[in-house]
C-alpha atoms as a PDB file:
ATOM      1  CA  MET A   1      89.225 170.181  53.472  1.00  0.00           C
ATOM      2  CA  PHE A   2      87.138 169.732  50.166  1.00  0.00           C
ATOM      3  CA  LEU A   3      85.479 166.757  51.069  1.00  0.00           C
ATOM      4  CA  LYS A   4      83.668 166.898  47.232  1.00  0.00           C
ATOM      5  CA  PRO A   5      85.543 168.948  44.966  1.00  0.00           C
ATOM      6  CA  ARG A   6      84.811 170.938  42.036  1.00  0.00           C
ATOM      7  CA  PHE A   7      85.370 169.551  38.010  1.00  0.00           C
ATOM      8  CA  PRO A   8      83.926 170.433  34.682  1.00  0.00           C
ATOM      9  CA  SER A   9      80.222 168.884  34.240  1.00  0.00           C
ATOM     10  CA  ARG A  10      79.881 166.389  31.475  1.00  0.00           C
ATOM     11  CA  GLU A  11      78.081 169.318  29.996  1.00  0.00           C
ATOM     12  CA  LEU A  12      80.627 171.699  29.892  1.00  0.00           C
ATOM     13  CA  LEU A  13      82.677 169.129  29.080  1.00  0.00           C
ATOM     14  CA  CYS A  14      80.806 168.008  25.870  1.00  0.00           C
ATOM     15  CA  LEU A  15      79.836 171.711  24.636  1.00  0.00           C
ATOM     16  CA  ARG A  16      84.081 172.805  25.044  1.00  0.00           C
ATOM     17  CA  SER A  17      84.412 169.683  22.576  1.00  0.00           C
ATOM     18  CA  LEU A  18      81.753 170.459  20.433  1.00  0.00           C
ATOM     19  CA  ALA A  19      81.921 173.926  19.984  1.00  0.00           C
ATOM     20  CA  PRO A  20      85.609 173.441  17.417  1.00  0.00           C
ATOM     21  CA  ARG A  21      84.018 170.388  16.069  1.00  0.00           C
ATOM     22  CA  MET A  22      80.597 171.671  14.921  1.00  0.00           C
ATOM     23  CA  GLU A  23      78.841 175.368  14.522  1.00  0.00           C
ATOM     24  CA  LEU A  24      76.964 174.792  17.857  1.00  0.00           C
ATOM     25  CA  PRO A  25      73.143 176.910  17.527  1.00  0.00           C
ATOM     26  CA  LEU A  26      73.760 180.724  19.020  1.00  0.00           C
ATOM     27  CA  LYS A  27      71.290 179.144  22.223  1.00  0.00           C
ATOM     28  CA  TYR A  28      74.125 176.239  23.215  1.00  0.00           C
ATOM     29  CA  ARG A  29      77.084 179.333  22.503  1.00  0.00           C
ATOM     30  CA  GLN A  30      75.915 181.076  25.231  1.00  0.00           C
ATOM     31  CA  GLN A  31      74.892 178.528  26.976  1.00  0.00           C
ATOM     32  CA  LEU A  32      79.029 177.525  27.053  1.00  0.00           C
ATOM     33  CA  MET A  33      79.835 181.174  27.765  1.00  0.00           C
ATOM     34  CA  ASN A  34      77.846 181.636  30.942  1.00  0.00           C
ATOM     35  CA  ILE A  35      78.536 177.830  32.441  1.00  0.00           C
ATOM     36  CA  GLU A  36      82.446 178.503  31.784  1.00  0.00           C
ATOM     37  CA  LYS A  37      81.477 182.231  33.525  1.00  0.00           C
ATOM     38  CA  GLY A  38      79.925 180.631  36.568  1.00  0.00           C
ATOM     39  CA  LEU A  39      82.419 177.915  36.633  1.00  0.00           C
ATOM     40  CA  GLU A  40      85.203 180.659  37.072  1.00  0.00           C
ATOM     41  CA  GLY A  41      83.233 182.633  39.419  1.00  0.00           C
ATOM     42  CA  GLU A  42      82.889 179.482  41.672  1.00  0.00           C
ATOM     43  CA  ILE A  43      86.430 178.548  41.268  1.00  0.00           C
ATOM     44  CA  TYR A  44      87.274 182.003  42.436  1.00  0.00           C
ATOM     45  CA  PHE A  45      85.314 180.925  45.429  1.00  0.00           C
ATOM     46  CA  ASP A  46      86.620 178.175  46.168  1.00  0.00           C
ATOM     47  CA  SER A  47      89.971 179.721  46.379  1.00  0.00           C
ATOM     48  CA  GLN A  48      88.298 181.748  49.407  1.00  0.00           C
ATOM     49  CA  LEU A  49      87.523 178.608  50.999  1.00  0.00           C
ATOM     50  CA  GLN A  50      90.530 177.023  50.551  1.00  0.00           C
ATOM     51  CA  ALA A  51      92.231 179.657  54.101  1.00  0.00           C
ATOM     52  CA  LEU A  52      90.021 177.449  55.833  1.00  0.00           C
ATOM     53  CA  PRO A  53      91.492 175.163  58.022  1.00  0.00           C
ATOM     54  CA  ASP A  54      91.691 171.830  57.096  1.00  0.00           C
ATOM     55  CA  GLU A  55      89.046 170.396  59.373  1.00  0.00           C
ATOM     56  CA  SER A  56      86.329 172.200  57.532  1.00  0.00           C
ATOM     57  CA  VAL A  57      84.179 170.575  55.492  1.00  0.00           C
ATOM     58  CA  ILE A  58      83.280 171.272  52.052  1.00  0.00           C
ATOM     59  CA  LEU A  59      81.074 169.716  49.699  1.00  0.00           C
ATOM     60  CA  CYS A  60      80.835 171.610  45.653  1.00  0.00           C
ATOM     61  CA  ASP A  61      78.957 170.567  43.086  1.00  0.00           C
ATOM     62  CA  LEU A  62      76.128 168.772  44.855  1.00  0.00           C
ATOM     63  CA  LEU A  63      72.599 166.906  42.925  1.00  0.00           C
ATOM     64  CA  PHE A  64      69.970 165.170  45.180  1.00  0.00           C
ATOM     65  CA  GLU A  65      66.327 164.183  44.154  1.00  0.00           C
ATOM     66  CA  ILE A  66      63.414 165.477  46.980  1.00  0.00           C
ATOM     67  CA  ASN A  67      59.853 164.427  46.263  1.00  0.00           C
ATOM     68  CA  ASN A  68      60.577 163.738  42.206  1.00  0.00           C
ATOM     69  CA  THR A  69      62.829 167.001  42.561  1.00  0.00           C
ATOM     70  CA  HIS A  70      65.616 167.384  41.086  1.00  0.00           C
ATOM     71  CA  PHE A  71      67.648 170.951  42.831  1.00  0.00           C
ATOM     72  CA  GLN A  72      71.324 171.511  42.631  1.00  0.00           C
ATOM     73  CA  ILE A  73      74.099 173.459  44.997  1.00  0.00           C
ATOM     74  CA  ASP A  74      77.205 175.091  44.262  1.00  0.00           C
ATOM     75  CA  THR A  75      78.664 174.685  47.924  1.00  0.00           C
ATOM     76  CA  LEU A  76      77.680 173.373  51.413  1.00  0.00           C
ATOM     77  CA  LEU A  77      80.398 174.132  54.687  1.00  0.00           C
ATOM     78  CA  LEU A  78      80.016 172.270  57.341  1.00  0.00           C
ATOM     79  CA  SER A  79      79.752 173.597  60.672  1.00  0.00           C
ATOM     80  CA  HIS A  80      78.699 171.515  64.046  1.00  0.00           C
ATOM     81  CA  ASP A  81      75.624 172.724  64.807  1.00  0.00           C
ATOM     82  CA  VAL A  82      74.802 174.565  61.265  1.00  0.00           C
ATOM     83  CA  VAL A  83      75.145 173.877  57.055  1.00  0.00           C
ATOM     84  CA  HIS A  84      75.814 177.022  55.176  1.00  0.00           C
ATOM     85  CA  LEU A  85      74.426 176.472  51.719  1.00  0.00           C
ATOM     86  CA  PHE A  86      75.748 178.940  48.806  1.00  0.00           C
ATOM     87  CA  GLU A  87      74.453 180.042  46.131  1.00  0.00           C
ATOM     88  CA  VAL A  88      77.697 181.383  43.832  1.00  0.00           C
ATOM     89  CA  LYS A  89      77.207 183.439  40.890  1.00  0.00           C
ATOM     90  CA  ASN A  90      79.416 185.798  38.884  1.00  0.00           C
ATOM     91  CA  TYR A  91      77.124 188.559  36.759  1.00  0.00           C
ATOM     92  CA  GLU A  92      79.134 191.662  36.080  1.00  0.00           C
ATOM     93  CA  GLY A  93      77.932 194.733  35.716  1.00  0.00           C
ATOM     94  CA  ASP A  94      74.489 196.621  37.180  1.00  0.00           C
ATOM     95  CA  PHE A  95      71.416 196.176  38.899  1.00  0.00           C
ATOM     96  CA  MET A  96      68.654 196.950  40.562  1.00  0.00           C
ATOM     97  CA  ILE A  97      65.876 195.056  42.722  1.00  0.00           C
ATOM     98  CA  GLU A  98      62.585 196.826  42.355  1.00  0.00           C
ATOM     99  CA  ASN A  99      59.353 195.176  44.533  1.00  0.00           C
ATOM    100  CA  GLU A 100      61.789 192.047  44.429  1.00  0.00           C
ATOM    101  CA  VAL A 101      62.192 191.897  41.173  1.00  0.00           C
ATOM    102  CA  TRP A 102      65.788 192.191  39.568  1.00  0.00           C
ATOM    103  CA  TYR A 103      66.175 194.652  36.504  1.00  0.00           C
ATOM    104  CA  THR A 104      69.359 194.972  34.569  1.00  0.00           C
ATOM    105  CA  THR A 105      69.728 198.708  34.747  1.00  0.00           C
ATOM    106  CA  THR A 106      68.925 199.467  30.848  1.00  0.00           C
ATOM    107  CA  GLY A 107      65.265 198.275  32.355  1.00  0.00           C
ATOM    108  CA  TYR A 108      65.896 194.038  31.369  1.00  0.00           C
ATOM    109  CA  GLU A 109      64.013 191.551  34.007  1.00  0.00           C
ATOM    110  CA  ILE A 110      65.901 188.817  34.899  1.00  0.00           C
ATOM    111  CA  LYS A 111      65.413 185.708  36.953  1.00  0.00           C
ATOM    112  CA  ASN A 112      65.468 186.876  41.071  1.00  0.00           C
ATOM    113  CA  PRO A 113      68.681 184.636  42.327  1.00  0.00           C
ATOM    114  CA  LEU A 114      67.077 184.934  46.091  1.00  0.00           C
ATOM    115  CA  LEU A 115      64.518 182.410  44.598  1.00  0.00           C
ATOM    116  CA  GLN A 116      66.595 179.694  43.243  1.00  0.00           C
ATOM    117  CA  LEU A 117      68.830 180.142  46.429  1.00  0.00           C
ATOM    118  CA  GLN A 118      65.392 180.033  48.986  1.00  0.00           C
ATOM    119  CA  ARG A 119      64.235 176.748  46.296  1.00  0.00           C
ATOM    120  CA  ASN A 120      67.058 175.238  47.099  1.00  0.00           C
ATOM    121  CA  GLN A 121      67.366 176.320  51.075  1.00  0.00           C
ATOM    122  CA  SER A 122      63.791 174.375  51.284  1.00  0.00           C
ATOM    123  CA  LEU A 123      64.653 171.249  49.585  1.00  0.00           C
ATOM    124  CA  LEU A 124      67.578 171.020  50.968  1.00  0.00           C
ATOM    125  CA  ARG A 125      65.842 170.967  54.431  1.00  0.00           C
ATOM    126  CA  GLN A 126      63.327 168.573  53.088  1.00  0.00           C
ATOM    127  CA  LEU A 127      66.241 166.763  52.332  1.00  0.00           C
ATOM    128  CA  PHE A 128      67.257 166.743  55.938  1.00  0.00           C
ATOM    129  CA  GLN A 129      63.723 165.797  57.304  1.00  0.00           C
ATOM    130  CA  LYS A 130      63.410 163.056  55.349  1.00  0.00           C
ATOM    131  CA  TYR A 131      66.789 161.184  56.704  1.00  0.00           C
ATOM    132  CA  ARG A 132      66.712 162.691  58.995  1.00  0.00           C
ATOM    133  CA  ILE A 133      69.722 164.878  59.730  1.00  0.00           C
ATOM    134  CA  SER A 134      69.579 167.845  62.292  1.00  0.00           C
ATOM    135  CA  LEU A 135      71.264 170.359  61.508  1.00  0.00           C
ATOM    136  CA  PRO A 136      69.821 173.830  60.364  1.00  0.00           C
ATOM    137  CA  VAL A 137      70.682 174.940  57.603  1.00  0.00           C
ATOM    138  CA  LYS A 138      71.863 178.858  56.767  1.00  0.00           C
ATOM    139  CA  ALA A 139      71.353 180.200  53.299  1.00  0.00           C
ATOM    140  CA  SER A 140      73.789 182.925  51.582  1.00  0.00           C
ATOM    141  CA  LEU A 141      74.309 184.530  47.923  1.00  0.00           C
ATOM    142  CA  VAL A 142      77.702 184.870  46.766  1.00  0.00           C
ATOM    143  CA  PHE A 143      78.701 187.228  44.066  1.00  0.00           C
ATOM    144  CA  THR A 144      82.386 187.019  43.137  1.00  0.00           C
ATOM    145  CA  ASN A 145      82.752 189.406  40.361  1.00  0.00           C
ATOM    146  CA  PRO A 146      84.044 193.140  41.344  1.00  0.00           C
ATOM    147  CA  ASP A 147      82.651 195.061  39.247  1.00  0.00           C
ATOM    148  CA  PHE A 148      78.873 193.761  39.738  1.00  0.00           C
ATOM    149  CA  TYR A 149      76.799 195.736  42.040  1.00  0.00           C
ATOM    150  CA  VAL A 150      72.829 196.089  42.850  1.00  0.00           C
ATOM    151  CA  TYR A 151      71.353 199.185  43.734  1.00  0.00           C
ATOM    152  CA  GLN A 152      68.366 199.438  46.199  1.00  0.00           C
ATOM    153  CA  ALA A 153      69.367 195.971  47.888  1.00  0.00           C
ATOM    154  CA  SER A 154      68.085 195.551  51.437  1.00  0.00           C
ATOM    155  CA  TYR A 155      71.174 195.262  54.122  1.00  0.00           C
ATOM    156  CA  ASP A 156      68.561 191.809  55.726  1.00  0.00           C
ATOM    157  CA  LEU A 157      68.873 190.149  51.919  1.00  0.00           C
ATOM    158  CA  PRO A 158      71.298 187.207  51.646  1.00  0.00           C
ATOM    159  CA  ILE A 159      73.378 188.313  50.310  1.00  0.00           C
ATOM    160  CA  ILE A 160      77.504 188.318  49.931  1.00  0.00           C
ATOM    161  CA  PHE A 161      78.787 191.218  47.721  1.00  0.00           C
ATOM    162  CA  PRO A 162      82.339 191.186  46.318  1.00  0.00           C
ATOM    163  CA  HIS A 163      84.520 192.589  48.860  1.00  0.00           C
ATOM    164  CA  GLN A 164      82.653 190.790  51.534  1.00  0.00           C
ATOM    165  CA  ILE A 165      83.909 187.284  50.630  1.00  0.00           C
ATOM    166  CA  GLU A 166      87.526 187.541  52.335  1.00  0.00           C
ATOM    167  CA  PRO A 167      85.924 189.291  55.608  1.00  0.00           C
ATOM    168  CA  PHE A 168      83.311 186.528  55.405  1.00  0.00           C
ATOM    169  CA  VAL A 169      85.351 183.584  55.317  1.00  0.00           C
ATOM    170  CA  SER A 170      88.496 185.119  57.797  1.00  0.00           C
ATOM    171  CA  GLN A 171      85.446 184.528  60.717  1.00  0.00           C
ATOM    172  CA  TRP A 172      86.169 181.157  60.340  1.00  0.00           C
ATOM    173  CA  LYS A 173      90.120 180.650  59.613  1.00  0.00           C
ATOM    174  CA  HIS A 174      91.150 180.953  63.032  1.00  0.00           C
ATOM    175  CA  ASP A 175      87.939 179.179  65.123  1.00  0.00           C
ATOM    176  CA  PRO A 176      89.245 176.261  65.735  1.00  0.00           C
ATOM    177  CA  VAL A 177      86.816 173.504  64.334  1.00  0.00           C
ATOM    178  CA  GLN A 178      84.787 171.321  66.201  1.00  0.00           C
ATOM    179  CA  PHE A 179      82.411 168.770  64.724  1.00  0.00           C
ATOM    180  CA  SER A 180      79.519 166.755  66.464  1.00  0.00           C
ATOM    181  CA  HIS A 181      78.655 163.396  65.089  1.00  0.00           C
ATOM    182  CA  GLU A 182      75.784 164.851  63.504  1.00  0.00           C
ATOM    183  CA  SER A 183      77.630 166.947  61.846  1.00  0.00           C
ATOM    184  CA  HIS A 184      80.474 163.691  60.361  1.00  0.00           C
ATOM    185  CA  ARG A 185      77.223 162.068  59.851  1.00  0.00           C
ATOM    186  CA  ALA A 186      75.630 164.326  57.310  1.00  0.00           C
ATOM    187  CA  ALA A 187      79.045 164.992  55.618  1.00  0.00           C
ATOM    188  CA  GLU A 188      78.619 161.003  54.442  1.00  0.00           C
ATOM    189  CA  LYS A 189      74.758 160.975  53.624  1.00  0.00           C
ATOM    190  CA  LEU A 190      75.171 163.774  51.511  1.00  0.00           C
ATOM    191  CA  GLN A 191      78.220 162.749  49.417  1.00  0.00           C
ATOM    192  CA  ALA A 192      76.105 159.410  49.364  1.00  0.00           C
ATOM    193  CA  LEU A 193      73.443 161.428  48.035  1.00  0.00           C
ATOM    194  CA  HIS A 194      74.463 163.402  45.277  1.00  0.00           C
ATOM    195  CA  ILE A 195      73.597 162.155  41.668  1.00  0.00           C
ATOM    196  CA  GLU A 196      76.917 161.747  39.417  1.00  0.00           C
ATOM    197  CA  MET A 197      74.552 161.786  36.044  1.00  0.00           C
ATOM    198  CA  SER A 198      72.482 164.912  35.303  1.00  0.00           C
ATOM    199  CA  PRO A 199      68.817 163.550  33.716  1.00  0.00           C
ATOM    200  CA  PHE A 200      69.218 166.916  31.817  1.00  0.00           C
ATOM    201  CA  ARG A 201      70.695 167.397  28.285  1.00  0.00           C
ATOM    202  CA  GLN A 202      71.632 170.225  27.972  1.00  0.00           C
ATOM    203  CA  PHE A 203      73.708 170.050  24.954  1.00  0.00           C
ATOM    204  CA  PRO A 204      72.418 169.673  21.077  1.00  0.00           C
ATOM    205  CA  ALA A 205      71.744 166.214  19.347  1.00  0.00           C
ATOM    206  CA  PHE A 206      74.634 165.449  17.160  1.00  0.00           C
ATOM    207  CA  THR A 207      76.080 162.481  15.133  1.00  0.00           C
ATOM    208  CA  ARG A 208      79.578 161.035  14.378  1.00  0.00           C
ATOM    209  CA  ARG A 209      79.704 162.222  10.702  1.00  0.00           C
ATOM    210  CA  GLN A 210      78.547 166.300  11.837  1.00  0.00           C
ATOM    211  CA  LEU A 211      81.840 166.488  13.713  1.00  0.00           C
ATOM    212  CA  GLN A 212      85.344 167.262  12.438  1.00  0.00           C
ATOM    213  CA  ASN A 213      88.411 164.576  13.187  1.00  0.00           C
ATOM    214  CA  GLY A 214      90.910 165.833  15.088  1.00  0.00           C
ATOM    215  CA  ILE A 215      92.943 166.322  18.446  1.00  0.00           C
ATOM    216  CA  ARG A 216      92.783 169.311  19.606  1.00  0.00           C
ATOM    217  CA  CYS A 217      95.104 171.845  21.926  1.00  0.00           C
ATOM    218  CA  ARG A 218      95.238 171.348  24.996  1.00  0.00           C
ATOM    219  CA  ALA A 219      95.364 175.052  25.652  1.00  0.00           C
ATOM    220  CA  CYS A 220      93.493 176.564  22.990  1.00  0.00           C
ATOM    221  CA  SER A 221      91.772 173.958  21.236  1.00  0.00           C
ATOM    222  CA  ALA A 222      93.019 174.780  17.778  1.00  0.00           C
ATOM    223  CA  PHE A 223      93.459 171.361  15.663  1.00  0.00           C
ATOM    224  CA  LEU A 224      97.111 170.168  15.882  1.00  0.00           C
ATOM    225  CA  LYS A 225      99.345 169.032  13.118  1.00  0.00           C
ATOM    226  CA  LEU A 226     101.577 166.404  13.211  1.00  0.00           C
ATOM    227  CA  PRO A 227     104.855 167.715  10.582  1.00  0.00           C
ATOM    228  CA  GLN A 228     107.392 165.027  12.425  1.00  0.00           C
ATOM    229  CA  ARG A 229     106.776 162.849  15.369  1.00  0.00           C
ATOM    230  CA  THR A 230     105.497 165.645  17.654  1.00  0.00           C
ATOM    231  CA  LEU A 231     102.207 166.866  17.611  1.00  0.00           C
ATOM    232  CA  ILE A 232     102.249 171.373  17.369  1.00  0.00           C
ATOM    233  CA  CYS A 233      98.815 173.441  17.491  1.00  0.00           C
ATOM    234  CA  PRO A 234      99.279 176.067  14.565  1.00  0.00           C
ATOM    235  CA  ALA A 235      97.670 178.576  16.908  1.00  0.00           C
ATOM    236  CA  CYS A 236      99.480 178.977  20.217  1.00  0.00           C
ATOM    237  CA  GLY A 237     102.512 176.506  19.132  1.00  0.00           C
ATOM    238  CA  ARG A 238     102.405 173.690  22.076  1.00  0.00           C
ATOM    239  CA  ALA A 239     103.807 171.160  21.580  1.00  0.00           C
ATOM    240  CA  GLU A 240     102.667 167.394  23.160  1.00  0.00           C
ATOM    241  CA  SER A 241     103.948 163.622  22.616  1.00  0.00           C
ATOM    242  CA  LEU A 242     101.564 161.896  20.387  1.00  0.00           C
ATOM    243  CA  GLU A 243     100.547 159.362  22.846  1.00  0.00           C
ATOM    244  CA  LYS A 244      99.246 162.133  24.815  1.00  0.00           C
ATOM    245  CA  GLY A 245      97.234 163.636  22.478  1.00  0.00           C
ATOM    246  CA  VAL A 246      96.044 160.142  21.190  1.00  0.00           C
ATOM    247  CA  ILE A 247      94.925 159.242  24.621  1.00  0.00           C
ATOM    248  CA  ARG A 248      93.250 162.277  24.967  1.00  0.00           C
ATOM    249  CA  ASN A 249      91.685 162.314  21.733  1.00  0.00           C
ATOM    250  CA  ALA A 250      90.094 158.701  22.626  1.00  0.00           C
ATOM    251  CA  GLU A 251      88.700 159.807  26.318  1.00  0.00           C
ATOM    252  CA  GLU A 252      87.188 162.841  24.032  1.00  0.00           C
ATOM    253  CA  TRP A 253      85.141 160.366  22.113  1.00  0.00           C
ATOM    254  CA  LYS A 254      84.173 158.015  25.637  1.00  0.00           C
ATOM    255  CA  LEU A 255      82.888 161.507  26.451  1.00  0.00           C
ATOM    256  CA  LEU A 256      80.917 162.393  23.175  1.00  0.00           C
ATOM    257  CA  PHE A 257      79.841 158.823  22.508  1.00  0.00           C
ATOM    258  CA  PRO A 258      79.555 156.802  25.697  1.00  0.00           C
ATOM    259  CA  GLU A 259      77.933 153.922  24.203  1.00  0.00           C
ATOM    260  CA  GLU A 260      80.594 153.422  21.186  1.00  0.00           C
ATOM    261  CA  PRO A 261      82.826 150.891  21.597  1.00  0.00           C
ATOM    262  CA  LEU A 262      86.381 152.236  21.081  1.00  0.00           C
ATOM    263  CA  THR A 263      87.767 150.611  18.172  1.00  0.00           C
ATOM    264  CA  THR A 264      91.874 151.276  16.605  1.00  0.00           C
ATOM    265  CA  ARG A 265      90.192 152.155  13.748  1.00  0.00           C
ATOM    266  CA  GLY A 266      87.353 154.564  15.092  1.00  0.00           C
ATOM    267  CA  VAL A 267      90.292 156.187  16.704  1.00  0.00           C
ATOM    268  CA  HIS A 268      92.581 156.167  14.019  1.00  0.00           C
ATOM    269  CA  GLU A 269      89.207 157.959  12.187  1.00  0.00           C
ATOM    270  CA  TRP A 270      88.575 160.373  14.838  1.00  0.00           C
ATOM    271  CA  CYS A 271      92.198 162.272  14.897  1.00  0.00           C
ATOM    272  CA  GLY A 272      92.322 162.630  11.942  1.00  0.00           C
ATOM    273  CA  LEU A 273      95.952 162.536  11.082  1.00  0.00           C
ATOM    274  CA  ASP A 274      98.353 160.628   9.113  1.00  0.00           C
ATOM    275  CA  ILE A 275      99.182 158.087  11.622  1.00  0.00           C
ATOM    276  CA  ASP A 276      99.949 154.626  11.418  1.00  0.00           C
ATOM    277  CA  LYS A 277      97.073 152.265  12.566  1.00  0.00           C
ATOM    278  CA  LYS A 278      99.771 149.615  14.604  1.00  0.00           C
ATOM    279  CA  ARG A 279     100.643 152.919  16.401  1.00  0.00           C
ATOM    280  CA  ILE A 280      97.471 154.085  17.417  1.00  0.00           C
ATOM    281  CA  LYS A 281      96.886 150.466  18.423  1.00  0.00           C
ATOM    282  CA  ARG A 282     100.183 149.926  20.464  1.00  0.00           C
ATOM    283  CA  ILE A 283      98.970 153.326  21.955  1.00  0.00           C
ATOM    284  CA  LEU A 284      95.506 152.532  23.225  1.00  0.00           C
ATOM    285  CA  SER A 285      97.284 149.206  24.290  1.00  0.00           C
ATOM    286  CA  LYS A 286      98.799 150.925  27.059  1.00  0.00           C
ATOM    287  CA  LYS A 287      96.252 152.730  28.556  1.00  0.00           C
ATOM    288  CA  TYR A 288      93.346 150.044  27.596  1.00  0.00           C
ATOM    289  CA  SER A 289      92.752 146.624  27.955  1.00  0.00           C
ATOM    290  CA  ARG A 290      91.592 144.986  24.931  1.00  0.00           C
ATOM    291  CA  PHE A 291      88.823 142.570  24.099  1.00  0.00           C
ATOM    292  CA  GLY A 292      87.529 140.342  20.882  1.00  0.00           C
ATOM    293  CA  ASN A 293      89.850 139.617  18.015  1.00  0.00           C
ATOM    294  CA  GLY A 294      89.450 140.957  14.782  1.00  0.00           C
ATOM    295  CA  ARG A 295      87.942 143.619  13.351  1.00  0.00           C
ATOM    296  CA  ARG A 296      85.349 143.245  17.223  1.00  0.00           C
ATOM    297  CA  SER A 297      88.317 144.021  19.037  1.00  0.00           C
ATOM    298  CA  HIS A 298      87.929 146.659  21.517  1.00  0.00           C
ATOM    299  CA  PHE A 299      89.536 148.471  24.532  1.00  0.00           C
ATOM    300  CA  GLN A 300      87.712 149.060  27.534  1.00  0.00           C
END
C-alpha cells in the first residue's frame, strides 16, 4: 500500500509551465529534462512495487530535516523488522568505477550515487535515533533504465540493477506481511515529519510580463485555440471544454503566482483568448469561493 504516493514536485510543475511560456535558460532546460527522466525511473520502480501485498507500507518522495540538514528520500518500504531505503536512478549508458570514483566511458567524472545513498541512510538513522524508532535501515541503489551498465562494480555493493528489480521485489510477493507496532509507529511518524514545501528554489526568477498568455494543451503543452465553443489544440488536435481549460489555467496561475489574488480580470488576461469576462467569472464561481466586491473581489 502506498501510504504516501508519488506526485510531481512543485519544482517540476513550475518548470513544465514556464518552458512554453518563456525562454528558459539552458541550465533550467537541462534541469527540467533531468527531473522528468528521474521521475520516469521512480514511477517505473513504483509500478514494480505495486505487485507487493496490500499490507506493505510504501512511502515516496519524503523530505526531512535533522540537525539543520535537509535530505530527500525517493522510496521507503517498511517491513516488521527493517526499513528499506531506495535511491532510484534512471541513468542511461555505460559507466565505470575506479577507486570508488564513477566515470562515463568517455572519462567524464560524475557524482558517486553511492555517497548520496550513504548520506541519506546516515541521516535517516539519526532521525530514527532522535524519535526513538528502533528499526534498522537497509539502503539500496536502484537503477531502472535497461540501457544502463556499470563496469568494475564490486558484487557486494548495495546496487539493484534493472534486470534484478523484478526478482528483488518478488521475494515479498507471496510472503505474509506481519507488521509490528514499531513499524506502524515509524510509518505514522515519518508521514508527520515530512516537509511539504522544499526550502530550495530550483526554478528561475520571472515576472508576469515575461510569460506568454494562453491555455496550454494537457497532452503536448501547445497553446490552445478557441475557434467556436470548444478549445482545440492546433498541434495534436486534442479538444477540451472551455470550462476545464479555464480552471486548469487558473490552477497554473496559482502555482506560478501563489501570492497574487485570483481575479476575473487576471484570469481573463492569463487565458489570452477572446472570452467574455462574465463567462470567466461564472466558470471561476463554480470552482472557487468569491470574496469581496467590485474590483477588489477575488477567488479562493
